[in-house]
Protein backbone atom coordinates (compact mmCIF):
# COMPACT_ATOMS: atom_id res chain seq x y z
CA UNK A 1 113.60 131.21 88.60
CA UNK A 2 112.56 128.32 87.20
CA UNK A 3 109.84 126.33 89.01
CA UNK A 4 110.50 122.55 89.63
CA UNK A 5 108.91 119.67 91.19
CA UNK A 6 109.47 116.15 91.74
CA UNK A 7 107.10 113.45 92.50
CA UNK A 8 107.73 110.29 93.93
CA UNK A 9 105.31 107.62 91.73
CA UNK A 10 103.54 104.56 93.54
CA UNK A 11 101.53 106.64 96.12
CA UNK A 12 101.24 110.02 94.62
CA UNK A 13 101.07 109.30 91.46
CA UNK A 14 99.50 105.94 90.85
CA UNK A 15 98.03 104.04 93.93
CA UNK A 16 99.60 100.50 92.43
CA UNK A 17 102.84 98.84 94.45
CA UNK A 18 103.64 97.60 91.55
CA UNK A 19 106.20 95.03 92.11
CA UNK A 20 103.83 93.47 94.94
CA UNK A 21 101.02 93.36 92.28
CA UNK A 22 104.38 91.32 89.93
CA UNK A 23 105.12 89.44 92.97
CA UNK A 24 101.29 88.06 93.28
CA UNK A 25 102.32 86.07 90.12
CA UNK A 26 104.27 83.77 92.10
CA UNK A 27 102.53 81.03 94.64
CA UNK A 28 102.51 82.95 98.09
CA UNK A 29 104.93 85.59 96.14
CA UNK A 30 102.62 88.50 97.94
CA UNK A 31 103.84 86.74 101.40
CA UNK A 32 107.44 86.45 100.33
CA UNK A 33 107.33 90.28 98.92
CA UNK A 34 105.17 92.03 102.80
CA UNK A 35 108.10 89.58 104.61
CA UNK A 36 111.28 91.09 102.22
CA UNK A 37 109.44 94.74 102.51
CA UNK A 38 109.86 94.53 106.73
CA UNK A 39 113.08 93.37 106.50
CA UNK A 40 114.33 96.04 104.02
CA UNK A 41 112.30 98.56 106.67
CA UNK A 42 114.57 97.37 109.47
CA UNK A 43 117.77 97.10 108.36
CA UNK A 44 117.17 100.42 106.21
CA UNK A 45 116.04 102.32 109.58
CA UNK A 46 119.28 100.45 111.55
CA UNK A 47 121.41 102.56 108.80
CA UNK A 48 123.11 99.55 107.85
CA UNK A 49 125.97 100.86 105.31
CA UNK A 50 125.73 100.00 101.42
CA UNK A 51 121.68 99.25 102.18
CA UNK A 52 119.05 102.23 100.83
CA UNK A 53 114.89 102.38 101.24
CA UNK A 54 113.80 100.27 98.42
CA UNK A 55 116.31 97.94 97.90
CA UNK A 56 113.25 95.69 98.33
CA UNK A 57 113.55 95.79 94.21
CA UNK A 58 117.26 94.58 94.48
CA UNK A 59 116.03 91.57 96.64
CA UNK A 60 112.89 90.33 95.24
CA UNK A 61 114.96 89.95 92.01
CA UNK A 62 116.04 86.48 91.95
CA UNK A 63 112.67 85.13 93.47
CA UNK A 64 110.86 86.70 90.35
CA UNK A 65 113.68 85.42 87.70
CA UNK A 66 113.50 81.88 89.67
CA UNK A 67 110.13 82.04 88.62
CA UNK A 68 110.33 82.73 84.98
CA UNK A 69 108.83 86.64 85.58
CA UNK A 70 109.92 89.13 82.92
CA UNK A 71 109.07 92.51 81.54
CA UNK A 72 106.37 91.45 79.94
CA UNK A 73 104.86 90.14 83.13
CA UNK A 74 105.92 93.94 84.82
CA UNK A 75 104.10 95.51 81.58
CA UNK A 76 101.15 93.26 81.75
CA UNK A 77 100.72 94.89 85.51
CA UNK A 78 101.39 98.31 84.91
CA UNK A 79 99.01 98.47 81.86
CA UNK A 80 96.56 97.54 84.80
CA UNK A 81 97.32 100.52 87.06
CA UNK A 82 94.87 103.24 87.95
CA UNK A 83 96.31 107.04 88.41
CA UNK A 84 95.71 109.00 91.64
CA UNK A 85 92.66 110.80 91.00
CA UNK A 86 93.74 114.74 89.64
CA UNK A 87 97.64 113.53 88.96
CA UNK A 88 97.15 113.78 85.01
CA UNK A 89 94.90 117.21 85.18
CA UNK A 90 97.79 118.57 87.82
CA UNK A 91 101.09 117.65 85.93
CA UNK A 92 98.90 119.31 82.85
CA UNK A 93 98.32 122.37 84.95
CA UNK A 94 101.73 122.68 86.37
CA UNK A 95 103.64 122.78 82.72
CA UNK A 96 101.36 124.97 81.21
CA UNK A 97 102.18 127.50 84.09
CA UNK A 98 105.72 127.04 83.57
CA UNK A 99 106.58 124.36 85.71
CA UNK A 100 109.52 121.60 85.41
CA UNK A 101 107.78 118.32 86.01
CA UNK A 102 109.81 115.05 87.16
CA UNK A 103 109.50 111.87 88.45
CA UNK A 104 111.87 110.17 91.09
CA UNK A 105 110.73 106.62 91.31
CA UNK A 106 112.29 103.18 92.88
CA UNK A 107 109.97 101.31 90.32
CA UNK A 108 111.54 99.27 87.80
CA UNK A 109 111.68 101.50 84.57
CA UNK A 110 108.60 99.17 82.83
CA UNK A 111 106.56 100.56 85.32
CA UNK A 112 107.67 103.90 85.69
CA UNK A 113 107.72 104.89 81.76
CA UNK A 114 103.94 103.51 81.49
CA UNK A 115 102.52 105.63 84.42
CA UNK A 116 104.27 108.66 83.09
CA UNK A 117 103.28 108.47 79.57
CA UNK A 118 99.90 107.93 80.71
CA UNK A 119 100.18 111.17 83.31
CA UNK A 120 102.54 113.28 80.48
CA UNK A 121 105.85 112.63 82.07
CA UNK A 122 108.17 111.68 79.53
CA UNK A 123 111.04 109.06 80.01
CA UNK A 124 113.60 111.18 79.73
CA UNK A 125 112.34 113.16 82.80
CA UNK A 126 111.84 109.99 84.96
CA UNK A 127 114.69 108.64 87.08
CA UNK A 128 113.97 105.00 88.01
CA UNK A 129 115.42 101.32 88.61
CA UNK A 130 116.87 99.35 85.17
CA UNK A 131 115.94 95.78 85.76
CA UNK A 132 117.48 93.94 82.63
CA UNK A 133 115.63 90.10 83.23
CA UNK A 134 117.25 88.60 80.07
CA UNK A 135 120.71 89.05 81.76
CA UNK A 136 119.30 87.84 84.97
CA UNK A 137 118.28 84.87 83.83
CA UNK A 138 121.56 83.71 82.83
CA UNK A 139 123.06 83.89 86.05
CA UNK A 140 120.25 81.70 87.92
CA UNK A 141 120.65 77.76 87.51
CA UNK A 142 118.78 74.94 88.11
CA UNK A 143 119.97 74.28 91.39
CA UNK A 144 120.15 77.96 92.40
CA UNK A 145 116.38 78.34 91.32
CA UNK A 146 115.34 75.41 93.55
CA UNK A 147 117.44 76.82 96.21
CA UNK A 148 115.80 80.29 96.15
CA UNK A 149 111.88 78.69 95.56
CA UNK A 150 112.93 76.66 98.81
CA UNK A 151 113.70 79.87 100.39
CA UNK A 152 110.66 81.18 99.66
CA UNK A 153 108.61 78.49 100.94
CA UNK A 154 111.06 79.28 104.35
CA UNK A 155 110.47 82.97 104.52
CA UNK A 156 106.58 82.38 104.42
CA UNK A 157 106.68 80.42 107.41
CA UNK A 158 108.66 82.42 110.28
CA UNK A 159 106.64 84.73 111.59
CA UNK A 160 108.88 86.33 114.51
CA UNK A 161 111.23 89.36 113.08
CA UNK A 162 114.16 88.49 114.57
CA UNK A 163 114.48 85.22 113.13
CA UNK A 164 112.75 86.85 109.80
CA UNK A 165 115.84 89.30 109.24
CA UNK A 166 118.39 86.27 110.48
CA UNK A 167 117.36 84.14 107.90
CA UNK A 168 117.19 86.71 105.00
CA UNK A 169 120.17 88.79 106.14
CA UNK A 170 122.27 85.06 105.28
CA UNK A 171 120.11 84.34 102.16
CA UNK A 172 120.85 87.55 100.58
CA UNK A 173 124.36 89.00 102.16
CA UNK A 174 125.92 85.30 102.99
CA UNK A 175 124.17 82.44 100.47
CA UNK A 176 123.68 84.26 97.53
CA UNK A 177 127.20 86.02 96.95
CA UNK A 178 128.49 83.03 96.65
CA UNK A 179 126.62 81.74 93.82
CA UNK A 180 127.20 83.12 90.46
CA UNK A 181 124.52 85.22 90.83
CA UNK A 182 126.12 87.81 93.23
CA UNK A 183 125.39 90.71 95.83
CA UNK A 184 122.03 91.04 94.99
CA UNK A 185 122.24 95.03 95.58
CA UNK A 186 124.83 94.98 92.92
CA UNK A 187 122.50 92.84 90.11
CA UNK A 188 120.07 95.42 90.26
CA UNK A 189 120.82 99.16 91.21
CA UNK A 190 117.47 100.93 93.32
CA UNK A 191 116.47 104.35 92.79
CA UNK A 192 116.37 103.99 96.33
CA UNK A 193 116.41 106.54 99.66
CA UNK A 194 120.06 108.04 98.91
CA UNK A 195 119.67 108.10 95.30
CA UNK A 196 116.43 110.05 94.92
CA UNK A 197 118.37 112.76 97.11
CA UNK A 198 121.05 112.47 94.70
CA UNK A 199 118.49 112.88 91.58
CA UNK A 200 116.62 115.76 93.29
CA UNK A 201 120.70 117.33 94.06
CA UNK A 202 121.42 116.54 90.00
CA UNK A 203 118.15 118.52 88.86
CA UNK A 204 119.25 121.13 91.14
CA UNK A 205 122.53 121.96 89.27
CA UNK A 206 121.28 121.03 85.64
CA UNK A 207 119.02 123.42 85.83
CA UNK A 208 120.80 126.10 88.46
CA UNK A 209 118.25 126.31 90.76
CA UNK A 210 118.55 126.36 94.35
CA UNK A 211 117.68 123.05 96.98
CA UNK A 212 114.91 125.52 98.40
CA UNK A 213 113.49 126.30 95.45
CA UNK A 214 113.01 122.62 94.20
CA UNK A 215 109.42 121.23 95.52
CA UNK A 216 109.30 117.66 96.40
CA UNK A 217 106.36 115.45 96.79
CA UNK A 218 106.43 111.61 98.55
CA UNK A 219 104.90 109.60 100.69
CA UNK A 220 107.03 106.59 101.92
CA UNK A 221 110.34 105.14 103.28
CA UNK A 222 112.01 105.66 100.54
CA UNK A 223 111.19 109.58 99.90
CA UNK A 224 112.32 110.54 103.66
CA UNK A 225 115.62 111.52 102.59
CA UNK A 226 114.60 114.16 99.66
CA UNK A 227 111.63 115.32 102.18
CA UNK A 228 113.70 115.88 105.15
CA UNK A 229 116.73 117.60 103.01
CA UNK A 230 114.06 119.99 101.02
CA UNK A 231 112.46 120.91 104.03
CA UNK A 232 115.80 121.16 106.06
CA UNK A 233 116.42 123.66 103.20
CA UNK A 234 112.70 125.17 104.40
CA UNK A 235 111.31 124.39 100.55
CA UNK A 236 108.13 122.74 99.74
CA UNK A 237 108.49 119.15 101.05
CA UNK A 238 105.08 117.67 101.09
CA UNK A 239 103.81 114.37 101.83
CA UNK A 240 101.00 113.43 99.94
CA UNK A 241 98.65 110.75 101.97
CA UNK A 242 102.28 109.54 103.87
CA UNK A 243 102.97 106.96 106.40
CA UNK A 244 104.69 107.10 109.61
CA UNK A 245 108.39 107.40 107.58
CA UNK A 246 107.88 110.26 105.57
CA UNK A 247 105.43 112.29 107.43
CA UNK A 248 107.94 113.26 109.95
CA UNK A 249 110.38 114.29 107.48
CA UNK A 250 108.00 116.51 105.60
CA UNK A 251 107.17 120.50 105.89
CA UNK A 252 103.54 119.88 104.69
CA UNK A 253 100.75 117.10 105.41
CA UNK A 254 97.58 116.78 102.39
CA UNK A 255 95.48 113.86 102.73
CA UNK A 256 93.10 113.59 100.62
CA UNK A 257 91.85 111.76 97.12
CA UNK A 258 92.86 113.96 95.48
CA UNK A 259 96.31 115.25 94.44
CA UNK A 260 95.36 118.34 92.82
CA UNK A 261 95.21 119.75 96.83
CA UNK A 262 98.57 120.14 96.59
CA UNK A 263 98.59 122.54 94.03
CA UNK A 264 97.67 125.44 96.22
CA UNK A 265 101.07 124.78 98.31
CA UNK A 266 103.40 124.65 95.26
CA UNK A 267 101.70 127.64 93.16
CA UNK A 268 101.49 129.94 96.64
CA UNK A 269 104.60 132.16 97.69
CA UNK A 270 103.83 131.93 101.21
CA UNK A 271 102.46 127.95 101.85
CA UNK A 272 103.57 128.07 105.15
CA UNK A 273 100.60 131.35 105.30
CA UNK A 274 98.83 129.99 103.28
CA UNK A 275 98.50 126.28 105.26
CA UNK A 276 98.38 127.93 108.86
CA UNK A 277 95.28 130.25 107.34
CA UNK A 278 93.46 126.52 106.85
CA UNK A 279 94.15 125.04 109.89
CA UNK A 280 93.38 128.04 111.55
CA UNK A 281 89.58 128.43 109.68
CA UNK A 282 89.02 124.26 109.30
CA UNK A 283 85.93 124.72 111.99
CA UNK A 284 84.52 127.12 109.73
CA UNK A 285 85.27 125.63 106.60
CA UNK A 286 83.83 122.26 107.81
CA UNK A 287 80.49 124.07 107.94
CA UNK A 288 80.61 126.50 104.91
CA UNK A 289 83.55 126.41 102.29
CA UNK A 290 83.45 129.85 101.66
CA UNK A 291 85.84 130.40 104.83
CA UNK A 292 88.52 128.38 103.02
CA UNK A 293 91.35 130.31 101.92
CA UNK A 294 91.11 131.29 97.93
CA UNK A 295 93.24 128.78 96.20
CA UNK A 296 91.49 125.58 98.00
CA UNK A 297 88.14 127.29 97.82
CA UNK A 298 87.93 127.24 94.17
CA UNK A 299 89.03 123.79 94.33
CA UNK A 300 86.73 122.30 96.67
CA UNK A 301 84.02 124.32 94.40
CA UNK A 302 85.26 122.40 90.94
CA UNK A 303 86.51 118.42 92.58
CA UNK A 304 83.55 118.61 94.92
CA UNK A 305 85.52 115.85 96.91
CA UNK A 306 85.30 115.90 100.60
CA UNK A 307 87.33 118.13 102.78
CA UNK A 308 90.54 117.21 102.81
CA UNK A 309 93.10 117.46 105.88
CA UNK A 310 96.24 119.92 104.96
CA UNK A 311 98.41 120.89 107.43
CA UNK A 312 101.93 121.67 108.89
CA UNK A 313 103.82 119.19 110.00
CA UNK A 314 104.44 119.85 113.61
CA UNK A 315 106.51 117.21 115.53
CA UNK A 316 103.42 117.05 118.56
CA UNK A 317 101.23 116.29 115.59
CA UNK A 318 102.91 113.98 113.95
CA UNK A 319 101.38 110.76 115.69
CA UNK A 320 97.84 112.36 114.85
CA UNK A 321 98.70 113.20 111.39
CA UNK A 322 99.92 109.59 110.93
CA UNK A 323 96.69 108.56 111.61
CA UNK A 324 94.87 110.77 109.17
CA UNK A 325 97.15 109.60 106.35
CA UNK A 326 96.26 105.83 107.28
CA UNK A 327 92.73 106.31 106.47
CA UNK A 328 93.60 108.07 103.03
CA UNK A 329 96.11 105.84 102.09
CA UNK A 330 93.61 102.89 102.35
CA UNK A 331 91.37 104.43 100.57
CA UNK A 332 93.79 105.03 97.48
CA UNK A 333 96.02 102.62 97.87
CA UNK A 334 94.26 99.46 99.33
CA UNK A 335 97.10 96.38 99.70
CA UNK A 336 99.92 98.76 99.20
CA UNK A 337 98.49 101.33 101.72
CA UNK A 338 100.72 98.96 104.13
CA UNK A 339 103.86 98.42 102.99
CA UNK A 340 107.19 100.75 104.25
């Protein structure tokens, strides 16, 4: 049986939220991104038809294009991005051990391919969001450009959630579709929640590997569908430094500054037994790492890090896990930790 693992990119492999940082090139752009991201979370969770977690990257595109942002700006920001500790080593070790490594990312292709290249995952093994800035530029008239800038200033001033949702709903899905730009979701088709799951199923079909034998690693709202589906099939569904949207949908939760700590779970034939043994002995392990299960003990000795938080995700412990992971997210991801 072939061993396949599918990683989300932003979070597990690179701490940068590239779109957030690119929006930071605009005056007040990070605030605009945060508002649109909140809107994205709300309408995604309400289950609006035709909308998926991660479609933020469709919605910010008009704002970027109106300010003359293009792929060169995305690449410039991407080239400054760090990778998560242990990510390159993990990919290399998995490949040497016969794993097929895929990335399924909401990120714009320019960023996803840059990070993939740095950690050893070629572009043909990456699913990500395609965007053509030159084509979009042709769709924005001077009047529309001015209107987009106006809306940008307006939404920054809105603090009340209902007012924000009403304003953005009206602009994106009533006003903008009447212009030459059209429906933003059609202009940039994001690899978000449902499309990530579609990618996993496509990989399963291509390699003739059942879903229960595919491992997935994610951390946020765009990952909850693929995490949940693999968990449902009793596969290795792993959340790494996750948030409140991802954690309840995973089977295993790993909080750490180094992603190598998911390796023992990936390589174990009995991952549930391994993690249960770790949980059972955690108090002893905190005093003496010799008490840790051997695969994790070996990593603790090799990496010389603080003791990671490794658990099975149980409903009654979800809130506690979220609190633990918030700390890791802030340490590893900085500003991006608070985004959905």
